[in-house]
Amino acid sequence: MVKLLRLSLVSLLLAAVTAAPAAASCVASSDAERLHRADAVFVGIVLGVRPSDGSATFRITRVEKGRLLRGAVTRVLPVPFRSSVTIGWTPERGQRWKLYVTRSSGRWTTNDCQGSRRL
């Protein structure tokens, strides 16, 4: 009986340890799936980055989804995925980015799992 209890505890611990990294990472998804989940998708040129909150300002050059205007300027705030502490967000002035964004509290946001990336 004690052996069975020990074996059960070891199995539970192994399951918890192997599941933790999967829970903290993003599930692989296609561009089509990311497009469907995003409120807006656009390509833009970085005009500047605000060090205080990490947000970046973009001039929109192409709109793939959403009510945004080509040529408009918009700010995007990086928000870590719910189980992540980083975003991998490193825009620099002049770079071209494709952004999958969500509207949250009146602001455009993106995170590790939405698919935003430098082109």
PDB file of N, CA and C in Angstrom:
ATOM      1  N   MET A   1       0.809  -1.188   0.000  1.00  0.00           N
ATOM      2  CA  MET A   1       0.000   0.000   0.000  1.00  0.00           C
ATOM      3  C   MET A   1       0.862   1.265   0.000  1.00  0.00           C
ATOM      4  N   VAL A   2       1.930   1.271   0.806  1.00  0.00           N
ATOM      5  CA  VAL A   2       2.826   2.419   0.868  1.00  0.00           C
ATOM      6  C   VAL A   2       3.531   2.602  -0.478  1.00  0.00           C
ATOM      7  N   LYS A   3       3.928   1.484  -1.116  1.00  0.00           N
ATOM      8  CA  LYS A   3       4.583   1.566  -2.420  1.00  0.00           C
ATOM      9  C   LYS A   3       3.644   2.173  -3.459  1.00  0.00           C
ATOM     10  N   LEU A   4       2.394   1.777  -3.415  1.00  0.00           N
ATOM     11  CA  LEU A   4       1.407   2.307  -4.359  1.00  0.00           C
ATOM     12  C   LEU A   4       1.214   3.814  -4.147  1.00  0.00           C
ATOM     13  N   LEU A   5       1.168   4.232  -2.900  1.00  0.00           N
ATOM     14  CA  LEU A   5       1.021   5.648  -2.586  1.00  0.00           C
ATOM     15  C   LEU A   5       2.234   6.441  -3.074  1.00  0.00           C
ATOM     16  N   ARG A   6       3.441   5.923  -2.850  1.00  0.00           N
ATOM     17  CA  ARG A   6       4.666   6.582  -3.318  1.00  0.00           C
ATOM     18  C   ARG A   6       4.686   6.687  -4.840  1.00  0.00           C
ATOM     19  N   LEU A   7       4.318   5.594  -5.498  1.00  0.00           N
ATOM     20  CA  LEU A   7       4.282   5.582  -6.957  1.00  0.00           C
ATOM     21  C   LEU A   7       3.282   6.613  -7.489  1.00  0.00           C
ATOM     22  N   SER A   8       2.148   6.726  -6.833  1.00  0.00           N
ATOM     23  CA  SER A   8       1.145   7.706  -7.240  1.00  0.00           C
ATOM     24  C   SER A   8       1.665   9.133  -7.071  1.00  0.00           C
ATOM     25  N   LEU A   9       2.327   9.397  -5.944  1.00  0.00           N
ATOM     26  CA  LEU A   9       2.877  10.733  -5.701  1.00  0.00           C
ATOM     27  C   LEU A   9       3.966  11.080  -6.715  1.00  0.00           C
ATOM     28  N   VAL A  10       4.835  10.136  -7.014  1.00  0.00           N
ATOM     29  CA  VAL A  10       5.888  10.367  -7.999  1.00  0.00           C
ATOM     30  C   VAL A  10       5.274  10.646  -9.365  1.00  0.00           C
ATOM     31  N   SER A  11       4.250   9.907  -9.738  1.00  0.00           N
ATOM     32  CA  SER A  11       3.578  10.112 -11.022  1.00  0.00           C
ATOM     33  C   SER A  11       2.954  11.497 -11.091  1.00  0.00           C
ATOM     34  N   LEU A  12       2.310  11.926 -10.006  1.00  0.00           N
ATOM     35  CA  LEU A  12       1.705  13.257  -9.981  1.00  0.00           C
ATOM     36  C   LEU A  12       2.760  14.360 -10.092  1.00  0.00           C
ATOM     37  N   LEU A  13       3.876  14.190  -9.390  1.00  0.00           N
ATOM     38  CA  LEU A  13       4.943  15.183  -9.460  1.00  0.00           C
ATOM     39  C   LEU A  13       5.534  15.266 -10.860  1.00  0.00           C
ATOM     40  N   LEU A  14       5.766  14.135 -11.487  1.00  0.00           N
ATOM     41  CA  LEU A  14       6.299  14.128 -12.849  1.00  0.00           C
ATOM     42  C   LEU A  14       5.327  14.787 -13.819  1.00  0.00           C
ATOM     43  N   ALA A  15       4.058  14.530 -13.660  1.00  0.00           N
ATOM     44  CA  ALA A  15       3.048  15.142 -14.527  1.00  0.00           C
ATOM     45  C   ALA A  15       3.036  16.658 -14.347  1.00  0.00           C
ATOM     46  N   ALA A  16       3.154  17.119 -13.118  1.00  0.00           N
ATOM     47  CA  ALA A  16       3.138  18.557 -12.850  1.00  0.00           C
ATOM     48  C   ALA A  16       4.376  19.235 -13.425  1.00  0.00           C
ATOM     49  N   VAL A  17       5.526  18.610 -13.284  1.00  0.00           N
ATOM     50  CA  VAL A  17       6.780  19.183 -13.774  1.00  0.00           C
ATOM     51  C   VAL A  17       6.777  19.258 -15.298  1.00  0.00           C
ATOM     52  N   THR A  18       6.313  18.230 -15.970  1.00  0.00           N
ATOM     53  CA  THR A  18       6.323  18.236 -17.433  1.00  0.00           C
ATOM     54  C   THR A  18       5.219  19.111 -17.998  1.00  0.00           C
ATOM     55  N   ALA A  19       4.151  19.350 -17.278  1.00  0.00           N
ATOM     56  CA  ALA A  19       3.063  20.189 -17.783  1.00  0.00           C
ATOM     57  C   ALA A  19       3.349  21.672 -17.595  1.00  0.00           C
ATOM     58  N   ALA A  20       4.162  22.039 -16.622  1.00  0.00           N
ATOM     59  CA  ALA A  20       4.408  23.448 -16.339  1.00  0.00           C
ATOM     60  C   ALA A  20       4.972  24.213 -17.523  1.00  0.00           C
ATOM     61  N   PRO A  21       6.024  23.735 -18.224  1.00  0.00           N
ATOM     62  CA  PRO A  21       6.523  24.497 -19.356  1.00  0.00           C
ATOM     63  C   PRO A  21       5.482  24.645 -20.462  1.00  0.00           C
ATOM     64  N   ALA A  22       4.672  23.647 -20.684  1.00  0.00           N
ATOM     65  CA  ALA A  22       3.656  23.740 -21.728  1.00  0.00           C
ATOM     66  C   ALA A  22       2.627  24.809 -21.383  1.00  0.00           C
ATOM     67  N   ALA A  23       2.279  24.932 -20.119  1.00  0.00           N
ATOM     68  CA  ALA A  23       1.293  25.926 -19.711  1.00  0.00           C
ATOM     69  C   ALA A  23       1.844  27.335 -19.845  1.00  0.00           C
ATOM     70  N   ALA A  24       3.157  27.494 -19.718  1.00  0.00           N
ATOM     71  CA  ALA A  24       3.758  28.817 -19.775  1.00  0.00           C
ATOM     72  C   ALA A  24       4.099  29.239 -21.198  1.00  0.00           C
ATOM     73  N   SER A  25       3.943  28.354 -22.152  1.00  0.00           N
ATOM     74  CA  SER A  25       4.291  28.695 -23.518  1.00  0.00           C
ATOM     75  C   SER A  25       3.038  28.841 -24.369  1.00  0.00           C
ATOM     76  N   CYS A  26       3.233  29.349 -25.565  1.00  0.00           N
ATOM     77  CA  CYS A  26       2.125  29.546 -26.490  1.00  0.00           C
ATOM     78  C   CYS A  26       1.881  28.272 -27.286  1.00  0.00           C
ATOM     79  N   VAL A  27       0.645  28.035 -27.600  1.00  0.00           N
ATOM     80  CA  VAL A  27       0.297  26.925 -28.464  1.00  0.00           C
ATOM     81  C   VAL A  27       0.593  27.375 -29.890  1.00  0.00           C
ATOM     82  N   ALA A  28       1.257  26.526 -30.652  1.00  0.00           N
ATOM     83  CA  ALA A  28       1.566  26.870 -32.040  1.00  0.00           C
ATOM     84  C   ALA A  28       0.270  27.133 -32.802  1.00  0.00           C
ATOM     85  N   SER A  29       0.282  28.184 -33.609  1.00  0.00           N
ATOM     86  CA  SER A  29      -0.902  28.500 -34.398  1.00  0.00           C
ATOM     87  C   SER A  29      -0.475  29.072 -35.744  1.00  0.00           C
ATOM     88  N   SER A  30      -1.343  28.962 -36.709  1.00  0.00           N
ATOM     89  CA  SER A  30      -1.058  29.455 -38.054  1.00  0.00           C
ATOM     90  C   SER A  30      -1.386  30.940 -38.142  1.00  0.00           C
ATOM     91  N   ASP A  31      -0.924  31.578 -39.212  1.00  0.00           N
ATOM     92  CA  ASP A  31      -1.263  32.986 -39.429  1.00  0.00           C
ATOM     93  C   ASP A  31      -2.773  33.154 -39.549  1.00  0.00           C
ATOM     94  N   ALA A  32      -3.435  32.181 -40.166  1.00  0.00           N
ATOM     95  CA  ALA A  32      -4.900  32.254 -40.317  1.00  0.00           C
ATOM     96  C   ALA A  32      -5.591  32.231 -38.954  1.00  0.00           C
ATOM     97  N   GLU A  33      -5.105  31.388 -38.037  1.00  0.00           N
ATOM     98  CA  GLU A  33      -5.681  31.327 -36.688  1.00  0.00           C
ATOM     99  C   GLU A  33      -5.419  32.623 -35.925  1.00  0.00           C
ATOM    100  N   ARG A  34      -4.207  33.163 -36.055  1.00  0.00           N
ATOM    101  CA  ARG A  34      -3.882  34.427 -35.374  1.00  0.00           C
ATOM    102  C   ARG A  34      -4.708  35.572 -35.952  1.00  0.00           C
ATOM    103  N   LEU A  35      -4.903  35.560 -37.261  1.00  0.00           N
ATOM    104  CA  LEU A  35      -5.727  36.578 -37.916  1.00  0.00           C
ATOM    105  C   LEU A  35      -7.151  36.534 -37.366  1.00  0.00           C
ATOM    106  N   HIS A  36      -7.680  35.340 -37.211  1.00  0.00           N
ATOM    107  CA  HIS A  36      -9.044  35.167 -36.696  1.00  0.00           C
ATOM    108  C   HIS A  36      -9.177  35.691 -35.266  1.00  0.00           C
ATOM    109  N   ARG A  37      -8.180  35.441 -34.410  1.00  0.00           N
ATOM    110  CA  ARG A  37      -8.245  35.837 -32.998  1.00  0.00           C
ATOM    111  C   ARG A  37      -8.002  37.327 -32.774  1.00  0.00           C
ATOM    112  N   ALA A  38      -7.263  37.976 -33.674  1.00  0.00           N
ATOM    113  CA  ALA A  38      -6.907  39.388 -33.484  1.00  0.00           C
ATOM    114  C   ALA A  38      -8.090  40.306 -33.804  1.00  0.00           C
ATOM    115  N   ASP A  39      -8.130  41.433 -33.118  1.00  0.00           N
ATOM    116  CA  ASP A  39      -9.118  42.462 -33.447  1.00  0.00           C
ATOM    117  C   ASP A  39      -8.684  43.226 -34.693  1.00  0.00           C
ATOM    118  N   ALA A  40      -7.372  43.351 -34.881  1.00  0.00           N
ATOM    119  CA  ALA A  40      -6.831  44.033 -36.053  1.00  0.00           C
ATOM    120  C   ALA A  40      -5.453  43.460 -36.378  1.00  0.00           C
ATOM    121  N   VAL A  41      -5.116  43.511 -37.654  1.00  0.00           N
ATOM    122  CA  VAL A  41      -3.794  43.076 -38.112  1.00  0.00           C
ATOM    123  C   VAL A  41      -3.319  44.114 -39.125  1.00  0.00           C
ATOM    124  N   PHE A  42      -2.085  44.587 -38.916  1.00  0.00           N
ATOM    125  CA  PHE A  42      -1.545  45.568 -39.848  1.00  0.00           C
ATOM    126  C   PHE A  42      -0.035  45.469 -39.935  1.00  0.00           C
ATOM    127  N   VAL A  43       0.497  46.050 -41.002  1.00  0.00           N
ATOM    128  CA  VAL A  43       1.938  46.193 -41.165  1.00  0.00           C
ATOM    129  C   VAL A  43       2.233  47.665 -40.949  1.00  0.00           C
ATOM    130  N   GLY A  44       3.298  47.940 -40.222  1.00  0.00           N
ATOM    131  CA  GLY A  44       3.627  49.330 -39.948  1.00  0.00           C
ATOM    132  C   GLY A  44       5.116  49.547 -39.747  1.00  0.00           C
ATOM    133  N   ILE A  45       5.516  50.796 -39.869  1.00  0.00           N
ATOM    134  CA  ILE A  45       6.901  51.217 -39.652  1.00  0.00           C
ATOM    135  C   ILE A  45       6.989  51.848 -38.262  1.00  0.00           C
ATOM    136  N   VAL A  46       7.983  51.426 -37.491  1.00  0.00           N
ATOM    137  CA  VAL A  46       8.168  51.966 -36.135  1.00  0.00           C
ATOM    138  C   VAL A  46       8.633  53.418 -36.224  1.00  0.00           C
ATOM    139  N   LEU A  47       7.873  54.305 -35.587  1.00  0.00           N
ATOM    140  CA  LEU A  47       8.248  55.719 -35.517  1.00  0.00           C
ATOM    141  C   LEU A  47       9.000  56.031 -34.231  1.00  0.00           C
ATOM    142  N   GLY A  48       8.724  55.251 -33.195  1.00  0.00           N
ATOM    143  CA  GLY A  48       9.387  55.481 -31.914  1.00  0.00           C
ATOM    144  C   GLY A  48       8.946  54.469 -30.878  1.00  0.00           C
ATOM    145  N   VAL A  49       9.755  54.352 -29.821  1.00  0.00           N
ATOM    146  CA  VAL A  49       9.465  53.433 -28.719  1.00  0.00           C
ATOM    147  C   VAL A  49       9.517  54.230 -27.424  1.00  0.00           C
ATOM    148  N   ARG A  50       8.513  54.022 -26.590  1.00  0.00           N
ATOM    149  CA  ARG A  50       8.440  54.712 -25.299  1.00  0.00           C
ATOM    150  C   ARG A  50       9.064  53.812 -24.229  1.00  0.00           C
ATOM    151  N   PRO A  51      10.221  54.186 -23.680  1.00  0.00           N
ATOM    152  CA  PRO A  51      10.892  53.339 -22.680  1.00  0.00           C
ATOM    153  C   PRO A  51      10.068  53.105 -21.413  1.00  0.00           C
ATOM    154  N   SER A  52       9.224  54.050 -21.031  1.00  0.00           N
ATOM    155  CA  SER A  52       8.497  53.929 -19.762  1.00  0.00           C
ATOM    156  C   SER A  52       7.545  52.735 -19.730  1.00  0.00           C
ATOM    157  N   ASP A  53       6.903  52.428 -20.845  1.00  0.00           N
ATOM    158  CA  ASP A  53       5.980  51.284 -20.856  1.00  0.00           C
ATOM    159  C   ASP A  53       6.263  50.286 -21.980  1.00  0.00           C
ATOM    160  N   GLY A  54       7.301  50.541 -22.778  1.00  0.00           N
ATOM    161  CA  GLY A  54       7.673  49.622 -23.849  1.00  0.00           C
ATOM    162  C   GLY A  54       6.797  49.713 -25.086  1.00  0.00           C
ATOM    163  N   SER A  55       5.837  50.635 -25.078  1.00  0.00           N
ATOM    164  CA  SER A  55       4.949  50.749 -26.228  1.00  0.00           C
ATOM    165  C   SER A  55       5.694  51.350 -27.415  1.00  0.00           C
ATOM    166  N   ALA A  56       5.171  51.067 -28.606  1.00  0.00           N
ATOM    167  CA  ALA A  56       5.781  51.592 -29.823  1.00  0.00           C
ATOM    168  C   ALA A  56       4.711  52.263 -30.667  1.00  0.00           C
ATOM    169  N   THR A  57       5.129  53.303 -31.377  1.00  0.00           N
ATOM    170  CA  THR A  57       4.246  54.014 -32.286  1.00  0.00           C
ATOM    171  C   THR A  57       4.570  53.566 -33.705  1.00  0.00           C
ATOM    172  N   PHE A  58       3.527  53.269 -34.477  1.00  0.00           N
ATOM    173  CA  PHE A  58       3.685  52.777 -35.843  1.00  0.00           C
ATOM    174  C   PHE A  58       2.909  53.639 -36.823  1.00  0.00           C
ATOM    175  N   ARG A  59       3.490  53.846 -38.009  1.00  0.00           N
ATOM    176  CA  ARG A  59       2.729  54.397 -39.131  1.00  0.00           C
ATOM    177  C   ARG A  59       2.250  53.195 -39.928  1.00  0.00           C
ATOM    178  N   ILE A  60       0.944  53.061 -40.082  1.00  0.00           N
ATOM    179  CA  ILE A  60       0.348  51.902 -40.743  1.00  0.00           C
ATOM    180  C   ILE A  60       0.559  51.991 -42.252  1.00  0.00           C
ATOM    181  N   THR A  61       1.139  50.918 -42.822  1.00  0.00           N
ATOM    182  CA  THR A  61       1.374  50.882 -44.271  1.00  0.00           C
ATOM    183  C   THR A  61       0.444  49.914 -44.987  1.00  0.00           C
ATOM    184  N   ARG A  62      -0.114  48.950 -44.245  1.00  0.00           N
ATOM    185  CA  ARG A  62      -1.065  47.999 -44.840  1.00  0.00           C
ATOM    186  C   ARG A  62      -1.980  47.468 -43.746  1.00  0.00           C
ATOM    187  N   VAL A  63      -3.270  47.409 -44.030  1.00  0.00           N
ATOM    188  CA  VAL A  63      -4.253  46.880 -43.086  1.00  0.00           C
ATOM    189  C   VAL A  63      -4.766  45.552 -43.632  1.00  0.00           C
ATOM    190  N   GLU A  64      -4.665  44.500 -42.820  1.00  0.00           N
ATOM    191  CA  GLU A  64      -5.162  43.184 -43.215  1.00  0.00           C
ATOM    192  C   GLU A  64      -6.484  42.845 -42.533  1.00  0.00           C
ATOM    193  N   LYS A  65      -6.743  43.476 -41.389  1.00  0.00           N
ATOM    194  CA  LYS A  65      -7.994  43.247 -40.667  1.00  0.00           C
ATOM    195  C   LYS A  65      -8.241  44.428 -39.742  1.00  0.00           C
ATOM    196  N   GLY A  66      -9.484  44.820 -39.607  1.00  0.00           N
ATOM    197  CA  GLY A  66      -9.835  45.851 -38.641  1.00  0.00           C
ATOM    198  C   GLY A  66     -10.110  47.195 -39.270  1.00  0.00           C
ATOM    199  N   ARG A  67     -10.578  48.086 -38.425  1.00  0.00           N
ATOM    200  CA  ARG A  67     -10.934  49.438 -38.857  1.00  0.00           C
ATOM    201  C   ARG A  67      -9.786  50.404 -38.572  1.00  0.00           C
ATOM    202  N   LEU A  68      -8.731  50.235 -39.310  1.00  0.00           N
ATOM    203  CA  LEU A  68      -7.570  51.116 -39.220  1.00  0.00           C
ATOM    204  C   LEU A  68      -7.347  51.717 -40.598  1.00  0.00           C
ATOM    205  N   LEU A  69      -6.723  52.871 -40.637  1.00  0.00           N
ATOM    206  CA  LEU A  69      -6.482  53.540 -41.905  1.00  0.00           C
ATOM    207  C   LEU A  69      -5.007  53.495 -42.278  1.00  0.00           C
ATOM    208  N   ARG A  70      -4.747  53.165 -43.529  1.00  0.00           N
ATOM    209  CA  ARG A  70      -3.386  53.206 -44.039  1.00  0.00           C
ATOM    210  C   ARG A  70      -2.882  54.641 -43.910  1.00  0.00           C
ATOM    211  N   GLY A  71      -1.665  54.810 -43.401  1.00  0.00           N
ATOM    212  CA  GLY A  71      -1.097  56.136 -43.188  1.00  0.00           C
ATOM    213  C   GLY A  71      -1.327  56.686 -41.791  1.00  0.00           C
ATOM    214  N   ALA A  72      -2.260  56.090 -41.065  1.00  0.00           N
ATOM    215  CA  ALA A  72      -2.532  56.540 -39.693  1.00  0.00           C
ATOM    216  C   ALA A  72      -1.382  56.145 -38.769  1.00  0.00           C
ATOM    217  N   VAL A  73      -1.292  56.831 -37.643  1.00  0.00           N
ATOM    218  CA  VAL A  73      -0.282  56.532 -36.626  1.00  0.00           C
ATOM    219  C   VAL A  73      -1.010  55.955 -35.417  1.00  0.00           C
ATOM    220  N   THR A  74      -0.503  54.836 -34.901  1.00  0.00           N
ATOM    221  CA  THR A  74      -1.128  54.212 -33.730  1.00  0.00           C
ATOM    222  C   THR A  74      -0.057  53.670 -32.793  1.00  0.00           C
ATOM    223  N   ARG A  75      -0.407  53.607 -31.521  1.00  0.00           N
ATOM    224  CA  ARG A  75       0.506  53.091 -30.496  1.00  0.00           C
ATOM    225  C   ARG A  75       0.060  51.690 -30.098  1.00  0.00           C
ATOM    226  N   VAL A  76       1.043  50.789 -29.907  1.00  0.00           N
ATOM    227  CA  VAL A  76       0.766  49.419 -29.488  1.00  0.00           C
ATOM    228  C   VAL A  76       1.532  49.145 -28.203  1.00  0.00           C
ATOM    229  N   LEU A  77       0.815  48.636 -27.211  1.00  0.00           N
ATOM    230  CA  LEU A  77       1.393  48.342 -25.902  1.00  0.00           C
ATOM    231  C   LEU A  77       1.658  46.842 -25.779  1.00  0.00           C
ATOM    232  N   PRO A  78       2.881  46.444 -25.425  1.00  0.00           N
ATOM    233  CA  PRO A  78       3.154  45.019 -25.217  1.00  0.00           C
ATOM    234  C   PRO A  78       2.609  44.558 -23.871  1.00  0.00           C
ATOM    235  N   VAL A  79       1.884  43.449 -23.886  1.00  0.00           N
ATOM    236  CA  VAL A  79       1.333  42.878 -22.656  1.00  0.00           C
ATOM    237  C   VAL A  79       1.718  41.403 -22.636  1.00  0.00           C
ATOM    238  N   PRO A  80       2.475  40.955 -21.633  1.00  0.00           N
ATOM    239  CA  PRO A  80       2.884  39.548 -21.609  1.00  0.00           C
ATOM    240  C   PRO A  80       1.696  38.595 -21.615  1.00  0.00           C
ATOM    241  N   PHE A  81       1.891  37.441 -22.266  1.00  0.00           N
ATOM    242  CA  PHE A  81       0.896  36.375 -22.246  1.00  0.00           C
ATOM    243  C   PHE A  81       0.657  35.995 -20.794  1.00  0.00           C
ATOM    244  N   ARG A  82      -0.549  35.538 -20.469  1.00  0.00           N
ATOM    245  CA  ARG A  82      -0.968  35.342 -19.072  1.00  0.00           C
ATOM    246  C   ARG A  82      -0.010  34.522 -18.207  1.00  0.00           C
ATOM    247  N   SER A  83       0.763  33.604 -18.780  1.00  0.00           N
ATOM    248  CA  SER A  83       1.671  32.810 -17.948  1.00  0.00           C
ATOM    249  C   SER A  83       3.134  33.102 -18.286  1.00  0.00           C
ATOM    250  N   SER A  84       3.393  34.258 -18.888  1.00  0.00           N
ATOM    251  CA  SER A  84       4.747  34.624 -19.269  1.00  0.00           C
ATOM    252  C   SER A  84       5.115  35.933 -18.580  1.00  0.00           C
ATOM    253  N   VAL A  85       6.394  36.164 -18.404  1.00  0.00           N
ATOM    254  CA  VAL A  85       6.824  37.423 -17.797  1.00  0.00           C
ATOM    255  C   VAL A  85       7.503  38.332 -18.821  1.00  0.00           C
ATOM    256  N   THR A  86       7.730  37.827 -20.018  1.00  0.00           N
ATOM    257  CA  THR A  86       8.381  38.625 -21.050  1.00  0.00           C
ATOM    258  C   THR A  86       7.520  38.657 -22.300  1.00  0.00           C
ATOM    259  N   ILE A  87       7.901  39.510 -23.209  1.00  0.00           N
ATOM    260  CA  ILE A  87       7.148  39.592 -24.459  1.00  0.00           C
ATOM    261  C   ILE A  87       8.020  39.387 -25.683  1.00  0.00           C
ATOM    262  N   GLY A  88       9.328  39.513 -25.586  1.00  0.00           N
ATOM    263  CA  GLY A  88      10.170  39.357 -26.757  1.00  0.00           C
ATOM    264  C   GLY A  88       9.947  40.495 -27.746  1.00  0.00           C
ATOM    265  N   TRP A  89       9.654  41.643 -27.250  1.00  0.00           N
ATOM    266  CA  TRP A  89       9.259  42.830 -28.022  1.00  0.00           C
ATOM    267  C   TRP A  89      10.457  43.760 -28.122  1.00  0.00           C
ATOM    268  N   THR A  90      11.010  43.953 -29.320  1.00  0.00           N
ATOM    269  CA  THR A  90      12.195  44.791 -29.470  1.00  0.00           C
ATOM    270  C   THR A  90      12.114  45.706 -30.691  1.00  0.00           C
ATOM    271  N   PRO A  91      11.001  46.425 -30.871  1.00  0.00           N
ATOM    272  CA  PRO A  91      10.923  47.300 -32.038  1.00  0.00           C
ATOM    273  C   PRO A  91      11.914  48.460 -31.937  1.00  0.00           C
ATOM    274  N   GLU A  92      12.453  48.844 -33.085  1.00  0.00           N
ATOM    275  CA  GLU A  92      13.362  49.992 -33.153  1.00  0.00           C
ATOM    276  C   GLU A  92      12.921  50.890 -34.297  1.00  0.00           C
ATOM    277  N   ARG A  93      13.157  52.163 -34.127  1.00  0.00           N
ATOM    278  CA  ARG A  93      12.759  53.167 -35.119  1.00  0.00           C
ATOM    279  C   ARG A  93      13.199  52.738 -36.529  1.00  0.00           C
ATOM    280  N   GLY A  94      12.258  52.819 -37.464  1.00  0.00           N
ATOM    281  CA  GLY A  94      12.543  52.511 -38.861  1.00  0.00           C
ATOM    282  C   GLY A  94      12.255  51.072 -39.265  1.00  0.00           C
ATOM    283  N   GLN A  95      12.087  50.179 -38.301  1.00  0.00           N
ATOM    284  CA  GLN A  95      11.806  48.776 -38.620  1.00  0.00           C
ATOM    285  C   GLN A  95      10.378  48.599 -39.120  1.00  0.00           C
ATOM    286  N   ARG A  96      10.187  47.546 -39.910  1.00  0.00           N
ATOM    287  CA  ARG A  96       8.857  47.200 -40.428  1.00  0.00           C
ATOM    288  C   ARG A  96       8.358  45.986 -39.652  1.00  0.00           C
ATOM    289  N   TRP A  97       7.145  46.067 -39.110  1.00  0.00           N
ATOM    290  CA  TRP A  97       6.562  45.009 -38.291  1.00  0.00           C
ATOM    291  C   TRP A  97       5.180  44.626 -38.798  1.00  0.00           C
ATOM    292  N   LYS A  98       4.834  43.358 -38.615  1.00  0.00           N
ATOM    293  CA  LYS A  98       3.461  42.900 -38.808  1.00  0.00           C
ATOM    294  C   LYS A  98       2.894  42.713 -37.408  1.00  0.00           C
ATOM    295  N   LEU A  99       1.760  43.352 -37.129  1.00  0.00           N
ATOM    296  CA  LEU A  99       1.196  43.331 -35.784  1.00  0.00           C
ATOM    297  C   LEU A  99      -0.185  42.713 -35.753  1.00  0.00           C
ATOM    298  N   TYR A 100      -0.346  41.751 -34.865  1.00  0.00           N
ATOM    299  CA  TYR A 100      -1.639  41.144 -34.551  1.00  0.00           C
ATOM    300  C   TYR A 100      -2.014  41.754 -33.203  1.00  0.00           C
ATOM    301  N   VAL A 101      -3.051  42.565 -33.177  1.00  0.00           N
ATOM    302  CA  VAL A 101      -3.357  43.312 -31.963  1.00  0.00           C
ATOM    303  C   VAL A 101      -4.785  43.076 -31.484  1.00  0.00           C
ATOM    304  N   THR A 102      -4.977  43.339 -30.198  1.00  0.00           N
ATOM    305  CA  THR A 102      -6.279  43.234 -29.550  1.00  0.00           C
ATOM    306  C   THR A 102      -6.582  44.593 -28.918  1.00  0.00           C
ATOM    307  N   ARG A 103      -7.831  44.976 -28.930  1.00  0.00           N
ATOM    308  CA  ARG A 103      -8.243  46.232 -28.298  1.00  0.00           C
ATOM    309  C   ARG A 103      -8.582  45.930 -26.849  1.00  0.00           C
ATOM    310  N   SER A 104      -7.902  46.597 -25.920  1.00  0.00           N
ATOM    311  CA  SER A 104      -8.113  46.354 -24.499  1.00  0.00           C
ATOM    312  C   SER A 104      -8.071  47.692 -23.765  1.00  0.00           C
ATOM    313  N   SER A 105      -9.156  48.028 -23.067  1.00  0.00           N
ATOM    314  CA  SER A 105      -9.257  49.289 -22.313  1.00  0.00           C
ATOM    315  C   SER A 105      -8.918  50.491 -23.188  1.00  0.00           C
ATOM    316  N   GLY A 106      -9.369  50.458 -24.431  1.00  0.00           N
ATOM    317  CA  GLY A 106      -9.156  51.585 -25.330  1.00  0.00           C
ATOM    318  C   GLY A 106      -7.777  51.667 -25.942  1.00  0.00           C
ATOM    319  N   ARG A 107      -6.943  50.632 -25.735  1.00  0.00           N
ATOM    320  CA  ARG A 107      -5.580  50.633 -26.286  1.00  0.00           C
ATOM    321  C   ARG A 107      -5.347  49.379 -27.117  1.00  0.00           C
ATOM    322  N   TRP A 108      -4.485  49.493 -28.117  1.00  0.00           N
ATOM    323  CA  TRP A 108      -4.074  48.325 -28.892  1.00  0.00           C
ATOM    324  C   TRP A 108      -2.958  47.629 -28.128  1.00  0.00           C
ATOM    325  N   THR A 109      -3.097  46.304 -27.955  1.00  0.00           N
ATOM    326  CA  THR A 109      -2.081  45.524 -27.235  1.00  0.00           C
ATOM    327  C   THR A 109      -1.686  44.315 -28.070  1.00  0.00           C
ATOM    328  N   THR A 110      -0.506  43.783 -27.767  1.00  0.00           N
ATOM    329  CA  THR A 110      -0.049  42.537 -28.380  1.00  0.00           C
ATOM    330  C   THR A 110       0.732  41.771 -27.328  1.00  0.00           C
ATOM    331  N   ASN A 111       0.955  40.472 -27.568  1.00  0.00           N
ATOM    332  CA  ASN A 111       1.743  39.669 -26.636  1.00  0.00           C
ATOM    333  C   ASN A 111       2.505  38.576 -27.359  1.00  0.00           C
ATOM    334  N   ASP A 112       3.231  37.779 -26.604  1.00  0.00           N
ATOM    335  CA  ASP A 112       4.075  36.720 -27.161  1.00  0.00           C
ATOM    336  C   ASP A 112       3.339  35.812 -28.118  1.00  0.00           C
ATOM    337  N   CYS A 113       2.098  35.545 -27.826  1.00  0.00           N
ATOM    338  CA  CYS A 113       1.367  34.517 -28.550  1.00  0.00           C
ATOM    339  C   CYS A 113       0.526  35.028 -29.706  1.00  0.00           C
ATOM    340  N   GLN A 114       0.408  36.313 -29.878  1.00  0.00           N
ATOM    341  CA  GLN A 114      -0.444  36.839 -30.928  1.00  0.00           C
ATOM    342  C   GLN A 114       0.200  36.803 -32.307  1.00  0.00           C
ATOM    343  N   GLY A 115       1.513  36.707 -32.376  1.00  0.00           N
ATOM    344  CA  GLY A 115       2.179  36.581 -33.667  1.00  0.00           C
ATOM    345  C   GLY A 115       2.839  37.830 -34.198  1.00  0.00           C
ATOM    346  N   SER A 116       2.805  38.942 -33.470  1.00  0.00           N
ATOM    347  CA  SER A 116       3.461  40.163 -33.942  1.00  0.00           C
ATOM    348  C   SER A 116       4.949  39.904 -34.098  1.00  0.00           C
ATOM    349  N   ARG A 117       5.501  40.419 -35.213  1.00  0.00           N
ATOM    350  CA  ARG A 117       6.914  40.143 -35.474  1.00  0.00           C
ATOM    351  C   ARG A 117       7.503  41.171 -36.439  1.00  0.00           C
ATOM    352  N   ARG A 118       8.809  41.255 -36.398  1.00  0.00           N
ATOM    353  CA  ARG A 118       9.545  42.128 -37.311  1.00  0.00           C
ATOM    354  C   ARG A 118       9.573  41.464 -38.689  1.00  0.00           C
ATOM    355  N   LEU A 119       9.394  42.257 -39.716  1.00  0.00           N
ATOM    356  CA  LEU A 119       9.456  41.722 -41.095  1.00  0.00           C
ATOM    357  C   LEU A 119      10.807  42.016 -41.704  1.00  0.00           C
TER     358      LEU A 119
END
